[in-house]
PDB file of N, CA and C in Angstrom:
ATOM      1  N   MET A   1      79.707 154.097 120.763  1.00  0.00           N
ATOM      2  CA  MET A   1      79.174 152.798 120.398  1.00  0.00           C
ATOM      3  C   MET A   1      79.671 152.334 119.028  1.00  0.00           C
ATOM      4  N   LYS A   2      79.592 153.192 118.028  1.00  0.00           N
ATOM      5  CA  LYS A   2      80.042 152.804 116.691  1.00  0.00           C
ATOM      6  C   LYS A   2      81.508 152.418 116.714  1.00  0.00           C
ATOM      7  N   ARG A   3      82.291 153.138 117.485  1.00  0.00           N
ATOM      8  CA  ARG A   3      83.717 152.842 117.558  1.00  0.00           C
ATOM      9  C   ARG A   3      83.953 151.423 118.092  1.00  0.00           C
ATOM     10  N   ASN A   4      83.246 151.026 119.150  1.00  0.00           N
ATOM     11  CA  ASN A   4      83.387 149.682 119.697  1.00  0.00           C
ATOM     12  C   ASN A   4      82.935 148.620 118.704  1.00  0.00           C
ATOM     13  N   ARG A   5      81.852 148.866 118.015  1.00  0.00           N
ATOM     14  CA  ARG A   5      81.371 147.896 117.042  1.00  0.00           C
ATOM     15  C   ARG A   5      82.403 147.669 115.945  1.00  0.00           C
ATOM     16  N   ALA A   6      82.997 148.734 115.468  1.00  0.00           N
ATOM     17  CA  ALA A   6      84.004 148.593 114.418  1.00  0.00           C
ATOM     18  C   ALA A   6      85.200 147.807 114.940  1.00  0.00           C
ATOM     19  N   ARG A   7      85.580 148.093 116.177  1.00  0.00           N
ATOM     20  CA  ARG A   7      86.725 147.403 116.754  1.00  0.00           C
ATOM     21  C   ARG A   7      86.424 145.925 116.963  1.00  0.00           C
ATOM     22  N   ILE A   8      85.222 145.615 117.442  1.00  0.00           N
ATOM     23  CA  ILE A   8      84.841 144.225 117.676  1.00  0.00           C
ATOM     24  C   ILE A   8      84.809 143.467 116.358  1.00  0.00           C
ATOM     25  N   GLY A   9      84.289 144.094 115.320  1.00  0.00           N
ATOM     26  CA  GLY A   9      84.170 143.434 114.025  1.00  0.00           C
ATOM     27  C   GLY A   9      85.445 143.444 113.204  1.00  0.00           C
ATOM     28  N   ALA A  10      86.440 144.213 113.642  1.00  0.00           N
ATOM     29  CA  ALA A  10      87.678 144.311 112.864  1.00  0.00           C
ATOM     30  C   ALA A  10      88.325 142.944 112.732  1.00  0.00           C
ATOM     31  N   GLY A  11      88.741 142.643 111.538  1.00  0.00           N
ATOM     32  CA  GLY A  11      89.439 141.390 111.313  1.00  0.00           C
ATOM     33  C   GLY A  11      88.534 140.203 111.056  1.00  0.00           C
ATOM     34  N   ARG A  12      87.245 140.389 111.115  1.00  0.00           N
ATOM     35  CA  ARG A  12      86.350 139.262 110.814  1.00  0.00           C
ATOM     36  C   ARG A  12      86.566 138.815 109.390  1.00  0.00           C
ATOM     37  N   GLY A  13      86.568 137.519 109.211  1.00  0.00           N
ATOM     38  CA  GLY A  13      86.790 136.962 107.884  1.00  0.00           C
ATOM     39  C   GLY A  13      88.266 136.810 107.573  1.00  0.00           C
ATOM     40  N   GLN A  14      89.118 137.355 108.404  1.00  0.00           N
ATOM     41  CA  GLN A  14      90.554 137.225 108.218  1.00  0.00           C
ATOM     42  C   GLN A  14      91.082 136.228 109.240  1.00  0.00           C
ATOM     43  N   PRO A  15      91.681 135.133 108.801  1.00  0.00           N
ATOM     44  CA  PRO A  15      92.203 134.165 109.764  1.00  0.00           C
ATOM     45  C   PRO A  15      93.360 134.743 110.558  1.00  0.00           C
ATOM     46  N   ARG A  16      93.423 134.382 111.836  1.00  0.00           N
ATOM     47  CA  ARG A  16      94.565 134.774 112.651  1.00  0.00           C
ATOM     48  C   ARG A  16      95.781 134.000 112.181  1.00  0.00           C
ATOM     49  N   ARG A  17      96.950 134.457 112.577  1.00  0.00           N
ATOM     50  CA  ARG A  17      98.177 133.797 112.145  1.00  0.00           C
ATOM     51  C   ARG A  17      98.137 132.314 112.520  1.00  0.00           C
ATOM     52  N   GLY A  18      98.390 131.440 111.544  1.00  0.00           N
ATOM     53  CA  GLY A  18      98.391 130.006 111.781  1.00  0.00           C
ATOM     54  C   GLY A  18      97.019 129.359 111.685  1.00  0.00           C
ATOM     55  N   GLU A  19      95.961 130.159 111.747  1.00  0.00           N
ATOM     56  CA  GLU A  19      94.603 129.597 111.730  1.00  0.00           C
ATOM     57  C   GLU A  19      94.264 128.966 110.388  1.00  0.00           C
ATOM     58  N   ALA A  20      94.678 129.589 109.289  1.00  0.00           N
ATOM     59  CA  ALA A  20      94.381 129.039 107.961  1.00  0.00           C
ATOM     60  C   ALA A  20      95.028 127.675 107.791  1.00  0.00           C
ATOM     61  N   ALA A  21      96.250 127.527 108.270  1.00  0.00           N
ATOM     62  CA  ALA A  21      96.941 126.234 108.157  1.00  0.00           C
ATOM     63  C   ALA A  21      96.246 125.183 109.001  1.00  0.00           C
ATOM     64  N   ARG A  22      95.784 125.556 110.200  1.00  0.00           N
ATOM     65  CA  ARG A  22      95.074 124.596 111.049  1.00  0.00           C
ATOM     66  C   ARG A  22      93.771 124.171 110.392  1.00  0.00           C
ATOM     67  N   ASP A  23      93.032 125.130 109.833  1.00  0.00           N
ATOM     68  CA  ASP A  23      91.764 124.817 109.192  1.00  0.00           C
ATOM     69  C   ASP A  23      91.953 123.951 107.961  1.00  0.00           C
ATOM     70  N   ALA A  24      93.073 124.084 107.295  1.00  0.00           N
ATOM     71  CA  ALA A  24      93.344 123.267 106.113  1.00  0.00           C
ATOM     72  C   ALA A  24      93.519 121.804 106.492  1.00  0.00           C
ATOM     73  N   ARG A  25      93.770 121.526 107.764  1.00  0.00           N
ATOM     74  CA  ARG A  25      93.951 120.146 108.231  1.00  0.00           C
ATOM     75  C   ARG A  25      92.743 119.655 109.024  1.00  0.00           C
ATOM     76  N   MET A  26      91.598 120.350 108.882  1.00  0.00           N
ATOM     77  CA  MET A  26      90.400 119.996 109.627  1.00  0.00           C
ATOM     78  C   MET A  26      89.318 119.483 108.675  1.00  0.00           C
ATOM     79  N   ALA A  27      88.591 118.454 109.091  1.00  0.00           N
ATOM     80  CA  ALA A  27      87.485 117.909 108.304  1.00  0.00           C
ATOM     81  C   ALA A  27      86.324 118.895 108.336  1.00  0.00           C
ATOM     82  N   ARG A  28      85.908 119.343 107.173  1.00  0.00           N
ATOM     83  CA  ARG A  28      84.815 120.307 107.054  1.00  0.00           C
ATOM     84  C   ARG A  28      84.064 120.031 105.754  1.00  0.00           C
ATOM     85  N   ILE A  29      82.972 120.720 105.551  1.00  0.00           N
ATOM     86  CA  ILE A  29      82.189 120.540 104.327  1.00  0.00           C
ATOM     87  C   ILE A  29      83.054 120.885 103.115  1.00  0.00           C
ATOM     88  N   ASP A  30      82.956 120.075 102.095  1.00  0.00           N
ATOM     89  CA  ASP A  30      83.690 120.181 100.833  1.00  0.00           C
ATOM     90  C   ASP A  30      85.168 119.826 100.955  1.00  0.00           C
ATOM     91  N   ALA A  31      85.570 119.233 102.079  1.00  0.00           N
ATOM     92  CA  ALA A  31      86.959 118.786 102.228  1.00  0.00           C
ATOM     93  C   ALA A  31      87.080 117.345 101.756  1.00  0.00           C
ATOM     94  N   ARG A  32      88.183 117.053 101.063  1.00  0.00           N
ATOM     95  CA  ARG A  32      88.504 115.677 100.687  1.00  0.00           C
ATOM     96  C   ARG A  32      89.340 115.099 101.814  1.00  0.00           C
ATOM     97  N   LEU A  33      88.979 113.915 102.278  1.00  0.00           N
ATOM     98  CA  LEU A  33      89.603 113.320 103.450  1.00  0.00           C
ATOM     99  C   LEU A  33      90.047 111.897 103.189  1.00  0.00           C
ATOM    100  N   GLU A  34      91.060 111.490 103.918  1.00  0.00           N
ATOM    101  CA  GLU A  34      91.407 110.080 103.986  1.00  0.00           C
ATOM    102  C   GLU A  34      91.284 109.694 105.453  1.00  0.00           C
ATOM    103  N   TYR A  35      90.502 108.634 105.718  1.00  0.00           N
ATOM    104  CA  TYR A  35      90.320 108.197 107.094  1.00  0.00           C
ATOM    105  C   TYR A  35      90.525 106.693 107.195  1.00  0.00           C
ATOM    106  N   GLU A  36      90.708 106.240 108.436  1.00  0.00           N
ATOM    107  CA  GLU A  36      90.918 104.818 108.685  1.00  0.00           C
ATOM    108  C   GLU A  36      89.954 104.333 109.753  1.00  0.00           C
ATOM    109  N   ASP A  37      89.344 103.191 109.498  1.00  0.00           N
ATOM    110  CA  ASP A  37      88.581 102.480 110.515  1.00  0.00           C
ATOM    111  C   ASP A  37      89.622 101.702 111.311  1.00  0.00           C
ATOM    112  N   GLU A  38      89.911 102.129 112.526  1.00  0.00           N
ATOM    113  CA  GLU A  38      91.005 101.522 113.279  1.00  0.00           C
ATOM    114  C   GLU A  38      90.734 100.073 113.665  1.00  0.00           C
ATOM    115  N   GLY A  39      89.479  99.659 113.693  1.00  0.00           N
ATOM    116  CA  GLY A  39      89.154  98.276 114.000  1.00  0.00           C
ATOM    117  C   GLY A  39      89.535  97.323 112.883  1.00  0.00           C
ATOM    118  N   SER A  40      89.223  97.719 111.646  1.00  0.00           N
ATOM    119  CA  SER A  40      89.494  96.851 110.494  1.00  0.00           C
ATOM    120  C   SER A  40      90.783  97.218 109.765  1.00  0.00           C
ATOM    121  N   GLY A  41      91.288  98.423 110.003  1.00  0.00           N
ATOM    122  CA  GLY A  41      92.471  98.894 109.287  1.00  0.00           C
ATOM    123  C   GLY A  41      92.163  99.404 107.889  1.00  0.00           C
ATOM    124  N   GLN A  42      90.887  99.393 107.513  1.00  0.00           N
ATOM    125  CA  GLN A  42      90.483  99.826 106.176  1.00  0.00           C
ATOM    126  C   GLN A  42      90.576 101.341 106.060  1.00  0.00           C
ATOM    127  N   ARG A  43      91.194 101.802 104.967  1.00  0.00           N
ATOM    128  CA  ARG A  43      91.305 103.228 104.681  1.00  0.00           C
ATOM    129  C   ARG A  43      90.395 103.585 103.519  1.00  0.00           C
ATOM    130  N   GLN A  44      89.889 104.813 103.556  1.00  0.00           N
ATOM    131  CA  GLN A  44      89.009 105.260 102.487  1.00  0.00           C
ATOM    132  C   GLN A  44      89.184 106.761 102.291  1.00  0.00           C
ATOM    133  N   ALA A  45      89.083 107.206 101.047  1.00  0.00           N
ATOM    134  CA  ALA A  45      89.115 108.628 100.714  1.00  0.00           C
ATOM    135  C   ALA A  45      87.701 109.042 100.318  1.00  0.00           C
ATOM    136  N   ILE A  46      87.225 110.136 100.902  1.00  0.00           N
ATOM    137  CA  ILE A  46      85.880 110.645 100.621  1.00  0.00           C
ATOM    138  C   ILE A  46      85.921 112.169 100.553  1.00  0.00           C
ATOM    139  N   THR A  47      84.811 112.748 100.112  1.00  0.00           N
ATOM    140  CA  THR A  47      84.602 114.187 100.200  1.00  0.00           C
ATOM    141  C   THR A  47      83.367 114.395 101.072  1.00  0.00           C
ATOM    142  N   LEU A  48      83.486 115.226 102.119  1.00  0.00           N
ATOM    143  CA  LEU A  48      82.335 115.551 102.964  1.00  0.00           C
ATOM    144  C   LEU A  48      81.511 116.621 102.262  1.00  0.00           C
ATOM    145  N   VAL A  49      80.220 116.393 102.122  1.00  0.00           N
ATOM    146  CA  VAL A  49      79.354 117.326 101.394  1.00  0.00           C
ATOM    147  C   VAL A  49      78.049 117.546 102.139  1.00  0.00           C
ATOM    148  N   ARG A  50      77.307 118.543 101.691  1.00  0.00           N
ATOM    149  CA  ARG A  50      75.955 118.781 102.203  1.00  0.00           C
ATOM    150  C   ARG A  50      75.077 117.611 101.761  1.00  0.00           C
ATOM    151  N   PRO A  51      73.998 117.349 102.481  1.00  0.00           N
ATOM    152  CA  PRO A  51      73.146 116.197 102.136  1.00  0.00           C
ATOM    153  C   PRO A  51      72.661 116.192 100.682  1.00  0.00           C
ATOM    154  N   SER A  52      72.358 117.351 100.136  1.00  0.00           N
ATOM    155  CA  SER A  52      71.837 117.403  98.766  1.00  0.00           C
ATOM    156  C   SER A  52      72.886 117.022  97.718  1.00  0.00           C
ATOM    157  N   ALA A  53      74.162 117.054  98.082  1.00  0.00           N
ATOM    158  CA  ALA A  53      75.232 116.735  97.134  1.00  0.00           C
ATOM    159  C   ALA A  53      75.796 115.332  97.332  1.00  0.00           C
ATOM    160  N   ALA A  54      75.248 114.575  98.273  1.00  0.00           N
ATOM    161  CA  ALA A  54      75.777 113.244  98.585  1.00  0.00           C
ATOM    162  C   ALA A  54      75.588 112.288  97.410  1.00  0.00           C
ATOM    163  N   ASN A  55      76.612 111.455  97.190  1.00  0.00           N
ATOM    164  CA  ASN A  55      76.586 110.443  96.150  1.00  0.00           C
ATOM    165  C   ASN A  55      77.627 109.395  96.543  1.00  0.00           C
ATOM    166  N   GLY A  56      77.179 108.346  97.199  1.00  0.00           N
ATOM    167  CA  GLY A  56      78.088 107.329  97.703  1.00  0.00           C
ATOM    168  C   GLY A  56      78.968 106.715  96.636  1.00  0.00           C
ATOM    169  N   ALA A  57      78.414 106.495  95.441  1.00  0.00           N
ATOM    170  CA  ALA A  57      79.190 105.882  94.362  1.00  0.00           C
ATOM    171  C   ALA A  57      80.349 106.774  93.928  1.00  0.00           C
ATOM    172  N   ALA A  58      80.199 108.092  94.115  1.00  0.00           N
ATOM    173  CA  ALA A  58      81.246 109.040  93.734  1.00  0.00           C
ATOM    174  C   ALA A  58      82.127 109.422  94.928  1.00  0.00           C
ATOM    175  N   GLY A  59      81.902 108.790  96.078  1.00  0.00           N
ATOM    176  CA  GLY A  59      82.708 109.086  97.252  1.00  0.00           C
ATOM    177  C   GLY A  59      82.344 110.384  97.939  1.00  0.00           C
ATOM    178  N   ARG A  60      81.137 110.897  97.675  1.00  0.00           N
ATOM    179  CA  ARG A  60      80.667 112.145  98.288  1.00  0.00           C
ATOM    180  C   ARG A  60      79.719 111.784  99.429  1.00  0.00           C
ATOM    181  N   VAL A  61      80.216 111.929 100.664  1.00  0.00           N
ATOM    182  CA  VAL A  61      79.496 111.494 101.854  1.00  0.00           C
ATOM    183  C   VAL A  61      78.882 112.696 102.562  1.00  0.00           C
ATOM    184  N   SER A  62      77.597 112.587 102.876  1.00  0.00           N
ATOM    185  CA  SER A  62      76.889 113.658 103.575  1.00  0.00           C
ATOM    186  C   SER A  62      77.434 113.841 104.987  1.00  0.00           C
ATOM    187  N   VAL A  63      77.452 115.098 105.434  1.00  0.00           N
ATOM    188  CA  VAL A  63      77.860 115.381 106.807  1.00  0.00           C
ATOM    189  C   VAL A  63      76.830 114.840 107.799  1.00  0.00           C
ATOM    190  N   LEU A  64      75.658 114.431 107.316  1.00  0.00           N
ATOM    191  CA  LEU A  64      74.636 113.844 108.178  1.00  0.00           C
ATOM    192  C   LEU A  64      74.706 112.320 108.205  1.00  0.00           C
ATOM    193  N   ASP A  65      75.530 111.730 107.351  1.00  0.00           N
ATOM    194  CA  ASP A  65      75.783 110.294 107.369  1.00  0.00           C
ATOM    195  C   ASP A  65      76.576 109.987 108.649  1.00  0.00           C
ATOM    196  N   PRO A  66      76.406 108.809 109.248  1.00  0.00           N
ATOM    197  CA  PRO A  66      77.157 108.510 110.476  1.00  0.00           C
ATOM    198  C   PRO A  66      78.671 108.727 110.357  1.00  0.00           C
ATOM    199  N   VAL A  67      79.280 108.321 109.251  1.00  0.00           N
ATOM    200  CA  VAL A  67      80.719 108.543 109.083  1.00  0.00           C
ATOM    201  C   VAL A  67      81.007 110.037 108.940  1.00  0.00           C
ATOM    202  N   GLY A  68      80.165 110.747 108.208  1.00  0.00           N
ATOM    203  CA  GLY A  68      80.338 112.189 108.037  1.00  0.00           C
ATOM    204  C   GLY A  68      80.261 112.929 109.363  1.00  0.00           C
ATOM    205  N   MET A  69      79.274 112.555 110.186  1.00  0.00           N
ATOM    206  CA  MET A  69      79.147 113.189 111.505  1.00  0.00           C
ATOM    207  C   MET A  69      80.349 112.887 112.380  1.00  0.00           C
ATOM    208  N   ALA A  70      80.869 111.668 112.288  1.00  0.00           N
ATOM    209  CA  ALA A  70      82.016 111.284 113.102  1.00  0.00           C
ATOM    210  C   ALA A  70      83.256 112.084 112.706  1.00  0.00           C
ATOM    211  N   LEU A  71      83.454 112.315 111.416  1.00  0.00           N
ATOM    212  CA  LEU A  71      84.656 112.977 110.934  1.00  0.00           C
ATOM    213  C   LEU A  71      84.604 114.501 111.024  1.00  0.00           C
ATOM    214  N   LEU A  72      83.423 115.083 110.885  1.00  0.00           N
ATOM    215  CA  LEU A  72      83.280 116.536 110.839  1.00  0.00           C
ATOM    216  C   LEU A  72      83.906 117.191 112.068  1.00  0.00           C
ATOM    217  N   GLY A  73      84.830 118.100 111.826  1.00  0.00           N
ATOM    218  CA  GLY A  73      85.480 118.843 112.905  1.00  0.00           C
ATOM    219  C   GLY A  73      86.773 118.230 113.414  1.00  0.00           C
ATOM    220  N   LEU A  74      87.078 116.984 113.012  1.00  0.00           N
ATOM    221  CA  LEU A  74      88.343 116.381 113.438  1.00  0.00           C
ATOM    222  C   LEU A  74      89.506 117.039 112.708  1.00  0.00           C
ATOM    223  N   ARG A  75      90.653 117.038 113.344  1.00  0.00           N
ATOM    224  CA  ARG A  75      91.891 117.489 112.712  1.00  0.00           C
ATOM    225  C   ARG A  75      92.736 116.258 112.383  1.00  0.00           C
ATOM    226  N   GLU A  76      93.653 116.408 111.450  1.00  0.00           N
ATOM    227  CA  GLU A  76      94.508 115.295 111.063  1.00  0.00           C
ATOM    228  C   GLU A  76      95.117 114.638 112.293  1.00  0.00           C
ATOM    229  N   GLY A  77      95.043 113.299 112.325  1.00  0.00           N
ATOM    230  CA  GLY A  77      95.608 112.532 113.430  1.00  0.00           C
ATOM    231  C   GLY A  77      94.641 112.278 114.568  1.00  0.00           C
ATOM    232  N   GLN A  78      93.534 113.022 114.633  1.00  0.00           N
ATOM    233  CA  GLN A  78      92.557 112.800 115.694  1.00  0.00           C
ATOM    234  C   GLN A  78      91.664 111.620 115.357  1.00  0.00           C
ATOM    235  N   SER A  79      91.146 110.978 116.394  1.00  0.00           N
ATOM    236  CA  SER A  79      90.221 109.871 116.188  1.00  0.00           C
ATOM    237  C   SER A  79      89.023 110.047 117.109  1.00  0.00           C
ATOM    238  N   VAL A  80      87.980 109.294 116.806  1.00  0.00           N
ATOM    239  CA  VAL A  80      86.759 109.367 117.595  1.00  0.00           C
ATOM    240  C   VAL A  80      86.158 107.971 117.690  1.00  0.00           C
ATOM    241  N   ASP A  81      85.654 107.633 118.872  1.00  0.00           N
ATOM    242  CA  ASP A  81      84.858 106.415 119.038  1.00  0.00           C
ATOM    243  C   ASP A  81      83.438 106.792 118.696  1.00  0.00           C
ATOM    244  N   TRP A  82      82.881 106.115 117.720  1.00  0.00           N
ATOM    245  CA  TRP A  82      81.558 106.480 117.226  1.00  0.00           C
ATOM    246  C   TRP A  82      80.591 105.340 117.495  1.00  0.00           C
ATOM    247  N   PRO A  83      79.472 105.610 118.210  1.00  0.00           N
ATOM    248  CA  PRO A  83      78.506 104.538 118.482  1.00  0.00           C
ATOM    249  C   PRO A  83      77.729 104.148 117.224  1.00  0.00           C
ATOM    250  N   LEU A  84      77.574 102.858 117.038  1.00  0.00           N
ATOM    251  CA  LEU A  84      76.793 102.321 115.924  1.00  0.00           C
ATOM    252  C   LEU A  84      75.494 101.739 116.465  1.00  0.00           C
ATOM    253  N   GLN A  85      74.661 101.301 115.563  1.00  0.00           N
ATOM    254  CA  GLN A  85      73.418 100.642 115.974  1.00  0.00           C
ATOM    255  C   GLN A  85      73.742  99.395 116.781  1.00  0.00           C
ATOM    256  N   HIS A  86      72.850  98.998 117.632  1.00  0.00           N
ATOM    257  CA  HIS A  86      72.949  97.777 118.443  1.00  0.00           C
ATOM    258  C   HIS A  86      74.068  97.854 119.466  1.00  0.00           C
ATOM    259  N   GLY A  87      74.516  99.077 119.806  1.00  0.00           N
ATOM    260  CA  GLY A  87      75.492  99.240 120.870  1.00  0.00           C
ATOM    261  C   GLY A  87      76.943  99.047 120.504  1.00  0.00           C
ATOM    262  N   ASP A  88      77.233  98.693 119.256  1.00  0.00           N
ATOM    263  CA  ASP A  88      78.631  98.554 118.835  1.00  0.00           C
ATOM    264  C   ASP A  88      79.273  99.931 118.732  1.00  0.00           C
ATOM    265  N   ARG A  89      80.598  99.963 118.736  1.00  0.00           N
ATOM    266  CA  ARG A  89      81.349 101.207 118.584  1.00  0.00           C
ATOM    267  C   ARG A  89      82.375 101.027 117.482  1.00  0.00           C
ATOM    268  N   ARG A  90      82.747 102.132 116.878  1.00  0.00           N
ATOM    269  CA  ARG A  90      83.720 102.125 115.788  1.00  0.00           C
ATOM    270  C   ARG A  90      84.692 103.270 116.033  1.00  0.00           C
ATOM    271  N   CYS A  91      85.971 103.008 115.934  1.00  0.00           N
ATOM    272  CA  CYS A  91      86.986 104.044 116.107  1.00  0.00           C
ATOM    273  C   CYS A  91      87.464 104.481 114.724  1.00  0.00           C
ATOM    274  N   ILE A  92      87.278 105.765 114.429  1.00  0.00           N
ATOM    275  CA  ILE A  92      87.638 106.319 113.131  1.00  0.00           C
ATOM    276  C   ILE A  92      88.711 107.372 113.344  1.00  0.00           C
ATOM    277  N   ARG A  93      89.776 107.319 112.531  1.00  0.00           N
ATOM    278  CA  ARG A  93      90.875 108.285 112.647  1.00  0.00           C
ATOM    279  C   ARG A  93      91.028 109.033 111.331  1.00  0.00           C
ATOM    280  N   LEU A  94      91.074 110.369 111.423  1.00  0.00           N
ATOM    281  CA  LEU A  94      91.321 111.186 110.239  1.00  0.00           C
ATOM    282  C   LEU A  94      92.817 111.155 109.955  1.00  0.00           C
ATOM    283  N   ILE A  95      93.192 110.559 108.845  1.00  0.00           N
ATOM    284  CA  ILE A  95      94.597 110.456 108.476  1.00  0.00           C
ATOM    285  C   ILE A  95      95.087 111.784 107.923  1.00  0.00           C
ATOM    286  N   ARG A  96      94.372 112.289 106.915  1.00  0.00           N
ATOM    287  CA  ARG A  96      94.782 113.569 106.351  1.00  0.00           C
ATOM    288  C   ARG A  96      93.657 114.194 105.544  1.00  0.00           C
ATOM    289  N   VAL A  97      93.760 115.507 105.409  1.00  0.00           N
ATOM    290  CA  VAL A  97      92.884 116.259 104.523  1.00  0.00           C
ATOM    291  C   VAL A  97      93.641 116.387 103.213  1.00  0.00           C
ATOM    292  N   LEU A  98      93.025 115.933 102.146  1.00  0.00           N
ATOM    293  CA  LEU A  98      93.668 115.906 100.825  1.00  0.00           C
ATOM    294  C   LEU A  98      93.499 117.241 100.116  1.00  0.00           C
ATOM    295  N   PRO A  99      94.422 117.579  99.220  1.00  0.00           N
ATOM    296  CA  PRO A  99      94.274 118.811  98.438  1.00  0.00           C
ATOM    297  C   PRO A  99      92.986 118.764  97.629  1.00  0.00           C
ATOM    298  N   ARG A 100      92.371 119.909  97.473  1.00  0.00           N
ATOM    299  CA  ARG A 100      91.129 119.974  96.689  1.00  0.00           C
ATOM    300  C   ARG A 100      91.443 119.775  95.224  1.00  0.00           C
ATOM    301  N   ARG A 101      90.556 119.049  94.568  1.00  0.00           N
ATOM    302  CA  ARG A 101      90.689 118.853  93.119  1.00  0.00           C
ATOM    303  C   ARG A 101      90.248 120.127  92.424  1.00  0.00           C
ATOM    304  N   ARG A 102      90.922 120.437  91.361  1.00  0.00           N
ATOM    305  CA  ARG A 102      90.532 121.606  90.562  1.00  0.00           C
ATOM    306  C   ARG A 102      89.482 121.175  89.552  1.00  0.00           C
ATOM    307  N   SER A 103      88.456 122.025  89.402  1.00  0.00           N
ATOM    308  CA  SER A 103      87.408 121.734  88.431  1.00  0.00           C
ATOM    309  C   SER A 103      87.933 121.967  87.025  1.00  0.00           C
ATOM    310  N   PRO A 104      87.491 121.140  86.072  1.00  0.00           N
ATOM    311  CA  PRO A 104      87.887 121.377  84.685  1.00  0.00           C
ATOM    312  C   PRO A 104      87.383 122.751  84.219  1.00  0.00           C
ATOM    313  N   ALA A 105      88.052 123.347  83.258  1.00  0.00           N
ATOM    314  CA  ALA A 105      87.640 124.669  82.733  1.00  0.00           C
ATOM    315  C   ALA A 105      86.198 124.608  82.285  1.00  0.00           C
ATOM    316  N   GLY A 106      85.447 125.640  82.661  1.00  0.00           N
ATOM    317  CA  GLY A 106      84.049 125.714  82.270  1.00  0.00           C
ATOM    318  C   GLY A 106      83.116 124.943  83.160  1.00  0.00           C
ATOM    319  N   ASP A 107      83.622 124.339  84.246  1.00  0.00           N
ATOM    320  CA  ASP A 107      82.762 123.561  85.144  1.00  0.00           C
ATOM    321  C   ASP A 107      82.448 124.370  86.392  1.00  0.00           C
ATOM    322  N   GLY A 108      81.601 125.337  86.260  1.00  0.00           N
ATOM    323  CA  GLY A 108      81.086 126.085  87.373  1.00  0.00           C
ATOM    324  C   GLY A 108      81.943 127.152  87.838  1.00  0.00           C
TER     325      GLY A 108
END
């Protein structure tokens, strides 16, 4: 039994070949993203964050916000039709995942 458990758990936390690169292009918490509203053509850059860290004025959008929910899990180039209130729909496309900003020295 112990032998099987070790084998099953082997490699956990280690990305498979190519997996790290794929994940780097996926919308996830703490990722900086550029997306486009395909209906209006408007582009916006945001950071997806946990609800407690959301700050619209700073471009930090909660994953529980409608746009955050629509983008979470998309890969670059993918789009989603997202239902809005009153039956309208919005098509959002993830253009790219932006490089993470480095924190200034001494900032956490």
